[in-house]
Amino acid sequence: MTIDTALQSIITVRSSIPDDAFTAATLGTLREGSGVVIREDGLVLTIGYLITEAEEVWLTRHDGQVIPGHALTYDQETGFGLVQAIGPLGVPAVDFGDAAQANVGDPVVLADGIGQFVRANIVAKQEFAGYWEYVLDEAIFIAPAHPSWGGAALVDGDGKLLGIGSLHLQMSKNGELADINMIVPINLLPPILDDLLKRGRVNKPPRPWLGTFSAESSGKVVVMSVAPGGPAAQAGLRQGDVISEIRGEEVDGLGDFYRKVWTSGPAGVEIPMRVLRNGREAWLRVKSADRNSFLRKPPLQ
């Protein structure tokens, strides 16, 4: 498959979300981005935040033809979302590449559903910890950045899919800031794809979720905000709290914080933590939850 052929497999994804959905305030009620066809039956891979709690999804080909879609699932661990076209898309399925074999410096193309693409290079492959309780062991970072990155397809020189666009970030290089995109590697999908299609989720207990939005500052984890009605809010965690210990173990950065929470047990487990608040220590016990239990389920077709 060539790059030109792969570009035909990338389409636009537009979704509408109810006003009272859990993510409506943070992600909006009208979301637009891209997706890529990965099976001939019209299965579309996108970034999950585009379709979380969606009640309607519309897929648009390069020629402007619009096909309704059904939001199948959003996998919180990888960030991938799946949409099934309801009707023939009539575009080829893209071939998967091997993101593990892609190297820093390799030329790549990040393309969106309306035909815009950026020729870029891989500038880093490293851990990424997101403020919404999310970690990738080895995310792909590319530059220059694409202005329409959400759900865009990263393809290699042979037109094979290496990953899905997730974020626009900045990195410091030689004292200057450079715009980059963070990409979720495609290698994370095959091990879980059957489960996602058959069950709507990975066949294992859901991770404990706290409902925190946190940042790392000099190795310290600082709470920026908490999800209204979420476990952290109910336990009294506040904006500005510095999380210093989980289960009696010192927290060393954002990724370490999340991993200590996730290895505490399945969703519902109580998470004891020590926080620094206004120069004083406080001890909290947060009864974790399954994040998906707070989200609207996709409507039945």
C-alpha atoms as a PDB file:
ATOM      1  CA  MET A   1       0.000   0.000   0.000  1.00  0.00           C
ATOM      2  CA  THR A   2       1.330   3.420  -0.983  1.00  0.00           C
ATOM      3  CA  ILE A   3       0.869   6.665   0.913  1.00  0.00           C
ATOM      4  CA  ASP A   4      -1.611   7.852  -1.725  1.00  0.00           C
ATOM      5  CA  THR A   5      -3.681   4.691  -1.233  1.00  0.00           C
ATOM      6  CA  ALA A   6      -3.509   5.017   2.554  1.00  0.00           C
ATOM      7  CA  LEU A   7      -4.810   8.589   2.378  1.00  0.00           C
ATOM      8  CA  GLN A   8      -8.019   7.273   0.800  1.00  0.00           C
ATOM      9  CA  SER A   9      -8.639   5.229   3.974  1.00  0.00           C
ATOM     10  CA  ILE A  10      -8.695   8.303   6.233  1.00  0.00           C
ATOM     11  CA  ILE A  11     -12.097   9.932   6.788  1.00  0.00           C
ATOM     12  CA  THR A  12     -13.598  12.593   9.013  1.00  0.00           C
ATOM     13  CA  VAL A  13     -15.439  11.725  12.209  1.00  0.00           C
ATOM     14  CA  ARG A  14     -18.088  14.012  13.673  1.00  0.00           C
ATOM     15  CA  SER A  15     -20.039  13.175  16.815  1.00  0.00           C
ATOM     16  CA  SER A  16     -22.730  14.781  18.938  1.00  0.00           C
ATOM     17  CA  ILE A  17     -22.901  14.300  22.695  1.00  0.00           C
ATOM     18  CA  PRO A  18     -25.831  15.035  25.041  1.00  0.00           C
ATOM     19  CA  ASP A  19     -25.584  18.239  27.072  1.00  0.00           C
ATOM     20  CA  ASP A  20     -25.828  16.295  30.328  1.00  0.00           C
ATOM     21  CA  ALA A  21     -23.100  13.764  29.472  1.00  0.00           C
ATOM     22  CA  PHE A  22     -20.269  13.416  31.998  1.00  0.00           C
ATOM     23  CA  THR A  23     -17.647  14.624  29.491  1.00  0.00           C
ATOM     24  CA  ALA A  24     -19.755  17.370  27.883  1.00  0.00           C
ATOM     25  CA  ALA A  25     -18.273  20.187  29.964  1.00  0.00           C
ATOM     26  CA  THR A  26     -14.651  19.199  29.351  1.00  0.00           C
ATOM     27  CA  LEU A  27     -14.722  17.800  25.791  1.00  0.00           C
ATOM     28  CA  GLY A  28     -17.733  19.600  24.335  1.00  0.00           C
ATOM     29  CA  THR A  29     -20.945  18.356  22.770  1.00  0.00           C
ATOM     30  CA  LEU A  30     -19.843  18.558  19.119  1.00  0.00           C
ATOM     31  CA  ARG A  31     -16.535  16.875  18.359  1.00  0.00           C
ATOM     32  CA  GLU A  32     -14.772  16.649  15.023  1.00  0.00           C
ATOM     33  CA  GLY A  33     -11.635  14.876  13.941  1.00  0.00           C
ATOM     34  CA  SER A  34     -10.488  11.974  11.826  1.00  0.00           C
ATOM     35  CA  GLY A  35     -10.449   8.205  11.712  1.00  0.00           C
ATOM     36  CA  VAL A  36      -8.981   5.494   9.532  1.00  0.00           C
ATOM     37  CA  VAL A  37     -10.729   2.462   8.033  1.00  0.00           C
ATOM     38  CA  ILE A  38      -9.021  -0.689   9.335  1.00  0.00           C
ATOM     39  CA  ARG A  39     -11.385  -3.380   7.990  1.00  0.00           C
ATOM     40  CA  GLU A  40     -13.254  -3.789   4.736  1.00  0.00           C
ATOM     41  CA  ASP A  41     -16.567  -3.975   6.629  1.00  0.00           C
ATOM     42  CA  GLY A  42     -16.241  -0.308   7.604  1.00  0.00           C
ATOM     43  CA  LEU A  43     -14.597  -0.556  11.012  1.00  0.00           C
ATOM     44  CA  VAL A  44     -12.994   2.805  11.779  1.00  0.00           C
ATOM     45  CA  LEU A  45     -10.208   3.449  14.280  1.00  0.00           C
ATOM     46  CA  THR A  46     -10.073   6.901  15.847  1.00  0.00           C
ATOM     47  CA  ILE A  47      -9.020   8.591  19.072  1.00  0.00           C
ATOM     48  CA  GLY A  48     -11.481   7.798  21.819  1.00  0.00           C
ATOM     49  CA  TYR A  49     -12.240  11.282  23.108  1.00  0.00           C
ATOM     50  CA  LEU A  50     -13.982  12.094  19.817  1.00  0.00           C
ATOM     51  CA  ILE A  51     -16.690   9.486  20.424  1.00  0.00           C
ATOM     52  CA  THR A  52     -16.970   9.203  24.220  1.00  0.00           C
ATOM     53  CA  GLU A  53     -20.683   9.272  25.150  1.00  0.00           C
ATOM     54  CA  ALA A  54     -21.655  10.024  21.532  1.00  0.00           C
ATOM     55  CA  GLU A  55     -25.320   9.597  20.636  1.00  0.00           C
ATOM     56  CA  GLU A  56     -24.692  10.241  16.939  1.00  0.00           C
ATOM     57  CA  VAL A  57     -21.611   9.692  14.778  1.00  0.00           C
ATOM     58  CA  TRP A  58     -21.176  10.706  11.133  1.00  0.00           C
ATOM     59  CA  LEU A  59     -18.353   9.591   8.845  1.00  0.00           C
ATOM     60  CA  THR A  60     -17.410  11.628   5.761  1.00  0.00           C
ATOM     61  CA  ARG A  61     -15.318  10.428   2.842  1.00  0.00           C
ATOM     62  CA  HIS A  62     -12.991  12.650   0.802  1.00  0.00           C
ATOM     63  CA  ASP A  63     -15.663  12.995  -1.892  1.00  0.00           C
ATOM     64  CA  GLY A  64     -18.101  14.451   0.650  1.00  0.00           C
ATOM     65  CA  GLN A  65     -20.332  11.399   1.000  1.00  0.00           C
ATOM     66  CA  VAL A  66     -21.622  11.081   4.590  1.00  0.00           C
ATOM     67  CA  ILE A  67     -22.302   7.695   6.201  1.00  0.00           C
ATOM     68  CA  PRO A  68     -23.783   7.240   9.688  1.00  0.00           C
ATOM     69  CA  GLY A  69     -21.641   5.401  12.224  1.00  0.00           C
ATOM     70  CA  HIS A  70     -22.085   3.664  15.554  1.00  0.00           C
ATOM     71  CA  ALA A  71     -19.663   4.336  18.421  1.00  0.00           C
ATOM     72  CA  LEU A  72     -18.605   0.854  19.514  1.00  0.00           C
ATOM     73  CA  THR A  73     -16.174   1.528  22.327  1.00  0.00           C
ATOM     74  CA  TYR A  74     -13.513   3.763  23.853  1.00  0.00           C
ATOM     75  CA  ASP A  75     -10.598   1.913  25.444  1.00  0.00           C
ATOM     76  CA  GLN A  76      -9.426   4.112  28.314  1.00  0.00           C
ATOM     77  CA  GLU A  77      -6.019   2.445  28.643  1.00  0.00           C
ATOM     78  CA  THR A  78      -4.813   2.952  25.073  1.00  0.00           C
ATOM     79  CA  GLY A  79      -6.995   5.895  24.117  1.00  0.00           C
ATOM     80  CA  PHE A  80      -8.315   4.196  20.971  1.00  0.00           C
ATOM     81  CA  GLY A  81     -11.933   4.471  19.881  1.00  0.00           C
ATOM     82  CA  LEU A  82     -13.798   2.265  17.399  1.00  0.00           C
ATOM     83  CA  VAL A  83     -16.696   3.241  15.139  1.00  0.00           C
ATOM     84  CA  GLN A  84     -18.652   0.921  12.880  1.00  0.00           C
ATOM     85  CA  ALA A  85     -19.967   2.440   9.657  1.00  0.00           C
ATOM     86  CA  ILE A  86     -23.686   1.771   9.179  1.00  0.00           C
ATOM     87  CA  GLY A  87     -23.598   1.277   5.454  1.00  0.00           C
ATOM     88  CA  PRO A  88     -20.821   0.766   2.905  1.00  0.00           C
ATOM     89  CA  LEU A  89     -17.923   3.185   3.059  1.00  0.00           C
ATOM     90  CA  GLY A  90     -16.398   2.040  -0.205  1.00  0.00           C
ATOM     91  CA  VAL A  91     -12.817   2.876   0.778  1.00  0.00           C
ATOM     92  CA  PRO A  92      -9.899   0.474   1.278  1.00  0.00           C
ATOM     93  CA  ALA A  93      -8.740  -0.681   4.691  1.00  0.00           C
ATOM     94  CA  VAL A  94      -5.270   0.481   5.657  1.00  0.00           C
ATOM     95  CA  ASP A  95      -2.483  -1.998   6.421  1.00  0.00           C
ATOM     96  CA  PHE A  96      -0.864  -1.957   9.859  1.00  0.00           C
ATOM     97  CA  GLY A  97       2.793  -1.164  10.205  1.00  0.00           C
ATOM     98  CA  ASP A  98       5.063  -1.967  13.157  1.00  0.00           C
ATOM     99  CA  ALA A  99       5.423   1.050  15.421  1.00  0.00           C
ATOM    100  CA  ALA A 100       7.972  -0.796  17.539  1.00  0.00           C
ATOM    101  CA  GLN A 101      10.366  -0.850  14.572  1.00  0.00           C
ATOM    102  CA  ALA A 102       9.947   2.846  13.805  1.00  0.00           C
ATOM    103  CA  ASN A 103      12.954   4.884  14.887  1.00  0.00           C
ATOM    104  CA  VAL A 104      13.630   8.447  15.926  1.00  0.00           C
ATOM    105  CA  GLY A 105      14.431  10.375  12.768  1.00  0.00           C
ATOM    106  CA  ASP A 106      12.231   8.257  10.476  1.00  0.00           C
ATOM    107  CA  PRO A 107      10.153  10.227   7.958  1.00  0.00           C
ATOM    108  CA  VAL A 108       6.385   9.861   8.437  1.00  0.00           C
ATOM    109  CA  VAL A 109       3.126  11.442   7.267  1.00  0.00           C
ATOM    110  CA  LEU A 110       0.277  12.516   9.569  1.00  0.00           C
ATOM    111  CA  ALA A 111      -2.941  12.879   7.572  1.00  0.00           C
ATOM    112  CA  ASP A 112      -6.462  13.947   8.472  1.00  0.00           C
ATOM    113  CA  GLY A 113      -9.841  13.104   6.997  1.00  0.00           C
ATOM    114  CA  ILE A 114     -10.159  16.136   4.726  1.00  0.00           C
ATOM    115  CA  GLY A 115      -6.959  15.425   2.831  1.00  0.00           C
ATOM    116  CA  GLN A 116      -4.555  17.633   4.758  1.00  0.00           C
ATOM    117  CA  PHE A 117      -1.255  16.008   5.628  1.00  0.00           C
ATOM    118  CA  VAL A 118       2.066  16.944   7.143  1.00  0.00           C
ATOM    119  CA  ARG A 119       5.379  15.363   6.232  1.00  0.00           C
ATOM    120  CA  ALA A 120       7.210  15.002   9.521  1.00  0.00           C
ATOM    121  CA  ASN A 121       9.832  13.030  11.391  1.00  0.00           C
ATOM    122  CA  ILE A 122       9.689  11.019  14.574  1.00  0.00           C
ATOM    123  CA  VAL A 123      11.442  13.157  17.188  1.00  0.00           C
ATOM    124  CA  ALA A 124      10.972  10.935  20.253  1.00  0.00           C
ATOM    125  CA  LYS A 125       9.598   7.623  21.487  1.00  0.00           C
ATOM    126  CA  GLN A 126       9.099   7.712  25.234  1.00  0.00           C
ATOM    127  CA  GLU A 127       6.668   7.472  28.129  1.00  0.00           C
ATOM    128  CA  PHE A 128       3.755   9.867  28.156  1.00  0.00           C
ATOM    129  CA  ALA A 129       1.667  10.561  31.262  1.00  0.00           C
ATOM    130  CA  GLY A 130      -1.524  12.548  30.722  1.00  0.00           C
ATOM    131  CA  TYR A 131      -3.311  14.660  33.296  1.00  0.00           C
ATOM    132  CA  TRP A 132      -6.493  12.549  32.986  1.00  0.00           C
ATOM    133  CA  GLU A 133      -5.049   9.352  34.595  1.00  0.00           C
ATOM    134  CA  TYR A 134      -3.453   8.008  31.429  1.00  0.00           C
ATOM    135  CA  VAL A 135      -0.034   6.558  30.641  1.00  0.00           C
ATOM    136  CA  LEU A 136       1.566   5.209  27.483  1.00  0.00           C
ATOM    137  CA  ASP A 137       4.806   3.307  28.044  1.00  0.00           C
ATOM    138  CA  GLU A 138       6.160   4.434  24.678  1.00  0.00           C
ATOM    139  CA  ALA A 139       4.262   7.111  22.795  1.00  0.00           C
ATOM    140  CA  ILE A 140       5.426   8.444  19.427  1.00  0.00           C
ATOM    141  CA  PHE A 141       6.167  12.158  19.050  1.00  0.00           C
ATOM    142  CA  ILE A 142       6.499  13.840  15.652  1.00  0.00           C
ATOM    143  CA  ALA A 143       7.391  17.279  14.314  1.00  0.00           C
ATOM    144  CA  PRO A 144       6.298  19.465  12.677  1.00  0.00           C
ATOM    145  CA  ALA A 145       2.813  19.232  14.144  1.00  0.00           C
ATOM    146  CA  HIS A 146      -0.428  18.751  12.212  1.00  0.00           C
ATOM    147  CA  PRO A 147      -3.082  21.426  12.931  1.00  0.00           C
ATOM    148  CA  SER A 148      -5.870  18.800  12.886  1.00  0.00           C
ATOM    149  CA  TRP A 149      -4.338  15.981  14.895  1.00  0.00           C
ATOM    150  CA  GLY A 150      -7.277  14.322  16.653  1.00  0.00           C
ATOM    151  CA  GLY A 151      -7.765  10.861  15.136  1.00  0.00           C
ATOM    152  CA  ALA A 152      -5.368  11.621  12.269  1.00  0.00           C
ATOM    153  CA  ALA A 153      -3.440   8.664  10.849  1.00  0.00           C
ATOM    154  CA  LEU A 154       0.337   8.379  11.133  1.00  0.00           C
ATOM    155  CA  VAL A 155       1.699   6.376   8.196  1.00  0.00           C
ATOM    156  CA  ASP A 156       5.197   5.329   7.228  1.00  0.00           C
ATOM    157  CA  GLY A 157       6.903   5.540   3.847  1.00  0.00           C
ATOM    158  CA  ASP A 158       5.085   2.409   2.656  1.00  0.00           C
ATOM    159  CA  GLY A 159       1.679   3.811   3.574  1.00  0.00           C
ATOM    160  CA  LYS A 160       1.289   1.518   6.584  1.00  0.00           C
ATOM    161  CA  LEU A 161      -0.446   2.734   9.733  1.00  0.00           C
ATOM    162  CA  LEU A 162       1.871   3.444  12.678  1.00  0.00           C
ATOM    163  CA  GLY A 163      -0.558   5.157  15.034  1.00  0.00           C
ATOM    164  CA  ILE A 164      -3.402   7.579  15.699  1.00  0.00           C
ATOM    165  CA  GLY A 165      -3.015  11.266  16.531  1.00  0.00           C
ATOM    166  CA  SER A 166      -3.957  12.238  20.087  1.00  0.00           C
ATOM    167  CA  LEU A 167      -2.492  15.565  21.210  1.00  0.00           C
ATOM    168  CA  HIS A 168      -0.778  18.784  20.224  1.00  0.00           C
ATOM    169  CA  LEU A 169       2.106  19.597  22.571  1.00  0.00           C
ATOM    170  CA  GLN A 170       5.240  21.689  22.739  1.00  0.00           C
ATOM    171  CA  MET A 171       8.761  20.564  23.468  1.00  0.00           C
ATOM    172  CA  SER A 172      11.860  22.566  24.197  1.00  0.00           C
ATOM    173  CA  LYS A 173      14.769  22.083  21.821  1.00  0.00           C
ATOM    174  CA  ASN A 174      17.936  24.158  21.968  1.00  0.00           C
ATOM    175  CA  GLY A 175      16.119  26.700  24.093  1.00  0.00           C
ATOM    176  CA  GLU A 176      13.267  27.079  21.612  1.00  0.00           C
ATOM    177  CA  LEU A 177       9.735  25.690  21.740  1.00  0.00           C
ATOM    178  CA  ALA A 178       8.659  23.356  18.939  1.00  0.00           C
ATOM    179  CA  ASP A 179       5.119  22.195  18.192  1.00  0.00           C
ATOM    180  CA  ILE A 180       4.764  18.405  18.168  1.00  0.00           C
ATOM    181  CA  ASN A 181       2.029  15.773  18.009  1.00  0.00           C
ATOM    182  CA  MET A 182       1.693  12.805  20.346  1.00  0.00           C
ATOM    183  CA  ILE A 183       0.669   9.584  18.598  1.00  0.00           C
ATOM    184  CA  VAL A 184      -0.810   6.401  20.118  1.00  0.00           C
ATOM    185  CA  PRO A 185       1.142   3.457  18.592  1.00  0.00           C
ATOM    186  CA  ILE A 186      -0.891   1.018  16.496  1.00  0.00           C
ATOM    187  CA  ASN A 187       0.844  -1.979  18.126  1.00  0.00           C
ATOM    188  CA  LEU A 188      -1.393  -1.486  21.173  1.00  0.00           C
ATOM    189  CA  LEU A 189      -4.515  -2.372  19.170  1.00  0.00           C
ATOM    190  CA  PRO A 190      -4.138  -5.974  17.848  1.00  0.00           C
ATOM    191  CA  PRO A 191      -3.841  -7.617  21.314  1.00  0.00           C
ATOM    192  CA  ILE A 192      -7.153  -6.086  22.434  1.00  0.00           C
ATOM    193  CA  LEU A 193      -9.136  -5.741  19.197  1.00  0.00           C
ATOM    194  CA  ASP A 194     -11.098  -9.007  19.502  1.00  0.00           C
ATOM    195  CA  ASP A 195     -12.125  -8.165  23.074  1.00  0.00           C
ATOM    196  CA  LEU A 196     -13.212  -4.669  22.064  1.00  0.00           C
ATOM    197  CA  LEU A 197     -15.367  -6.000  19.240  1.00  0.00           C
ATOM    198  CA  LYS A 198     -16.898  -8.896  21.185  1.00  0.00           C
ATOM    199  CA  ARG A 199     -17.246  -7.345  24.649  1.00  0.00           C
ATOM    200  CA  GLY A 200     -16.931  -3.613  24.141  1.00  0.00           C
ATOM    201  CA  ARG A 201     -13.967  -3.602  26.534  1.00  0.00           C
ATOM    202  CA  VAL A 202     -10.801  -5.527  27.341  1.00  0.00           C
ATOM    203  CA  ASN A 203     -11.478  -8.791  29.167  1.00  0.00           C
ATOM    204  CA  LYS A 204      -9.948  -7.899  32.525  1.00  0.00           C
ATOM    205  CA  PRO A 205     -11.079  -5.999  35.628  1.00  0.00           C
ATOM    206  CA  PRO A 206     -11.270  -2.237  35.047  1.00  0.00           C
ATOM    207  CA  ARG A 207      -8.557  -0.104  36.570  1.00  0.00           C
ATOM    208  CA  PRO A 208      -9.319   1.979  39.655  1.00  0.00           C
ATOM    209  CA  TRP A 209     -10.107   5.574  38.723  1.00  0.00           C
ATOM    210  CA  LEU A 210      -9.902   8.559  41.065  1.00  0.00           C
ATOM    211  CA  GLY A 211     -11.278  11.402  38.967  1.00  0.00           C
ATOM    212  CA  THR A 212      -8.209  13.622  39.298  1.00  0.00           C
ATOM    213  CA  PHE A 213      -6.678  15.994  36.779  1.00  0.00           C
ATOM    214  CA  SER A 214      -3.052  16.326  37.794  1.00  0.00           C
ATOM    215  CA  ALA A 215       0.232  17.818  36.621  1.00  0.00           C
ATOM    216  CA  GLU A 216       3.856  17.097  37.431  1.00  0.00           C
ATOM    217  CA  SER A 217       6.059  19.884  38.756  1.00  0.00           C
ATOM    218  CA  SER A 218       9.691  19.113  39.670  1.00  0.00           C
ATOM    219  CA  GLY A 219       8.734  15.471  40.180  1.00  0.00           C
ATOM    220  CA  LYS A 220       5.781  16.342  42.421  1.00  0.00           C
ATOM    221  CA  VAL A 221       2.177  15.503  41.513  1.00  0.00           C
ATOM    222  CA  VAL A 222      -0.108  18.509  41.896  1.00  0.00           C
ATOM    223  CA  VAL A 223      -3.900  18.271  41.647  1.00  0.00           C
ATOM    224  CA  MET A 224      -5.207  20.803  39.116  1.00  0.00           C
ATOM    225  CA  SER A 225      -8.871  19.860  39.565  1.00  0.00           C
ATOM    226  CA  VAL A 226     -11.151  16.931  40.345  1.00  0.00           C
ATOM    227  CA  ALA A 227     -14.081  15.534  38.386  1.00  0.00           C
ATOM    228  CA  PRO A 228     -17.369  16.714  39.950  1.00  0.00           C
ATOM    229  CA  GLY A 229     -19.003  13.796  41.722  1.00  0.00           C
ATOM    230  CA  GLY A 230     -15.983  11.571  41.167  1.00  0.00           C
ATOM    231  CA  PRO A 231     -14.163   9.528  43.820  1.00  0.00           C
ATOM    232  CA  ALA A 232     -11.486  12.155  44.543  1.00  0.00           C
ATOM    233  CA  ALA A 233     -14.076  14.914  44.939  1.00  0.00           C
ATOM    234  CA  GLN A 234     -16.133  12.774  47.299  1.00  0.00           C
ATOM    235  CA  ALA A 235     -13.045  12.024  49.405  1.00  0.00           C
ATOM    236  CA  GLY A 236     -12.169  15.711  49.746  1.00  0.00           C
ATOM    237  CA  LEU A 237      -9.155  15.979  47.433  1.00  0.00           C
ATOM    238  CA  ARG A 238      -8.741  19.600  46.387  1.00  0.00           C
ATOM    239  CA  GLN A 239      -7.109  21.749  43.754  1.00  0.00           C
ATOM    240  CA  GLY A 240      -3.530  22.504  44.800  1.00  0.00           C
ATOM    241  CA  ASP A 241      -3.062  19.346  46.864  1.00  0.00           C
ATOM    242  CA  VAL A 242       0.334  17.694  46.354  1.00  0.00           C
ATOM    243  CA  ILE A 243       0.049  13.896  46.370  1.00  0.00           C
ATOM    244  CA  SER A 244       3.165  12.630  48.128  1.00  0.00           C
ATOM    245  CA  GLU A 245       2.353   9.002  49.050  1.00  0.00           C
ATOM    246  CA  ILE A 246       0.089   6.201  47.838  1.00  0.00           C
ATOM    247  CA  ARG A 247      -0.397   3.220  50.149  1.00  0.00           C
ATOM    248  CA  GLY A 248       2.563   4.404  52.229  1.00  0.00           C
ATOM    249  CA  GLU A 249       4.915   4.556  49.223  1.00  0.00           C
ATOM    250  CA  GLU A 250       6.444   7.799  48.005  1.00  0.00           C
ATOM    251  CA  VAL A 251       5.152   9.086  44.670  1.00  0.00           C
ATOM    252  CA  ASP A 252       7.839   9.823  42.082  1.00  0.00           C
ATOM    253  CA  GLY A 253       6.153  11.680  39.239  1.00  0.00           C
ATOM    254  CA  LEU A 254       2.859  11.459  37.400  1.00  0.00           C
ATOM    255  CA  GLY A 255       3.394   8.070  35.758  1.00  0.00           C
ATOM    256  CA  ASP A 256       4.462   6.533  39.052  1.00  0.00           C
ATOM    257  CA  PHE A 257       1.370   7.974  40.765  1.00  0.00           C
ATOM    258  CA  TYR A 258      -0.967   6.348  38.248  1.00  0.00           C
ATOM    259  CA  ARG A 259       0.816   3.010  38.317  1.00  0.00           C
ATOM    260  CA  LYS A 260       0.672   2.882  42.114  1.00  0.00           C
ATOM    261  CA  VAL A 261      -3.083   3.505  41.932  1.00  0.00           C
ATOM    262  CA  TRP A 262      -3.615   0.894  39.213  1.00  0.00           C
ATOM    263  CA  THR A 263      -1.660  -1.799  41.054  1.00  0.00           C
ATOM    264  CA  SER A 264      -3.716  -1.271  44.216  1.00  0.00           C
ATOM    265  CA  GLY A 265      -6.436  -3.634  42.980  1.00  0.00           C
ATOM    266  CA  PRO A 266      -9.507  -3.508  40.723  1.00  0.00           C
ATOM    267  CA  ALA A 267     -11.879  -0.572  40.458  1.00  0.00           C
ATOM    268  CA  GLY A 268     -13.611   0.000  43.781  1.00  0.00           C
ATOM    269  CA  VAL A 269     -10.502  -0.557  45.892  1.00  0.00           C
ATOM    270  CA  GLU A 270      -9.803   2.088  48.527  1.00  0.00           C
ATOM    271  CA  ILE A 271      -6.670   4.141  47.883  1.00  0.00           C
ATOM    272  CA  PRO A 272      -4.983   5.622  50.977  1.00  0.00           C
ATOM    273  CA  MET A 273      -2.888   8.684  50.192  1.00  0.00           C
ATOM    274  CA  ARG A 274      -0.919  11.384  51.924  1.00  0.00           C
ATOM    275  CA  VAL A 275      -1.194  14.911  50.551  1.00  0.00           C
ATOM    276  CA  LEU A 276       0.443  18.215  51.332  1.00  0.00           C
ATOM    277  CA  ARG A 277      -2.138  20.996  51.640  1.00  0.00           C
ATOM    278  CA  ASN A 278      -1.151  24.578  52.410  1.00  0.00           C
ATOM    279  CA  GLY A 279       2.077  23.348  54.002  1.00  0.00           C
ATOM    280  CA  ARG A 280       0.363  20.740  56.159  1.00  0.00           C
ATOM    281  CA  GLU A 281      -0.025  16.991  55.776  1.00  0.00           C
ATOM    282  CA  ALA A 282      -3.421  15.409  55.275  1.00  0.00           C
ATOM    283  CA  TRP A 283      -4.393  11.749  54.940  1.00  0.00           C
ATOM    284  CA  LEU A 284      -7.246  10.714  52.690  1.00  0.00           C
ATOM    285  CA  ARG A 285      -8.821   7.439  51.670  1.00  0.00           C
ATOM    286  CA  VAL A 286     -10.304   7.565  48.181  1.00  0.00           C
ATOM    287  CA  LYS A 287     -12.736   4.827  47.220  1.00  0.00           C
ATOM    288  CA  SER A 288     -11.898   4.360  43.565  1.00  0.00           C
ATOM    289  CA  ALA A 289     -14.398   3.605  40.810  1.00  0.00           C
ATOM    290  CA  ASP A 290     -14.693   2.283  37.270  1.00  0.00           C
ATOM    291  CA  ARG A 291     -14.406   5.366  35.041  1.00  0.00           C
ATOM    292  CA  ASN A 292     -16.790   3.817  32.500  1.00  0.00           C
ATOM    293  CA  SER A 293     -19.569   3.680  35.098  1.00  0.00           C
ATOM    294  CA  PHE A 294     -19.746   7.496  34.931  1.00  0.00           C
ATOM    295  CA  LEU A 295     -20.095   7.556  31.132  1.00  0.00           C
ATOM    296  CA  ARG A 296     -23.142   7.149  28.924  1.00  0.00           C
ATOM    297  CA  LYS A 297     -23.138   3.887  27.001  1.00  0.00           C
ATOM    298  CA  PRO A 298     -23.363   3.924  23.189  1.00  0.00           C
ATOM    299  CA  PRO A 299     -27.011   3.759  22.078  1.00  0.00           C
ATOM    300  CA  LEU A 300     -28.186   0.429  20.712  1.00  0.00           C
ATOM    301  CA  GLN A 301     -28.679   0.258  16.957  1.00  0.00           C
END
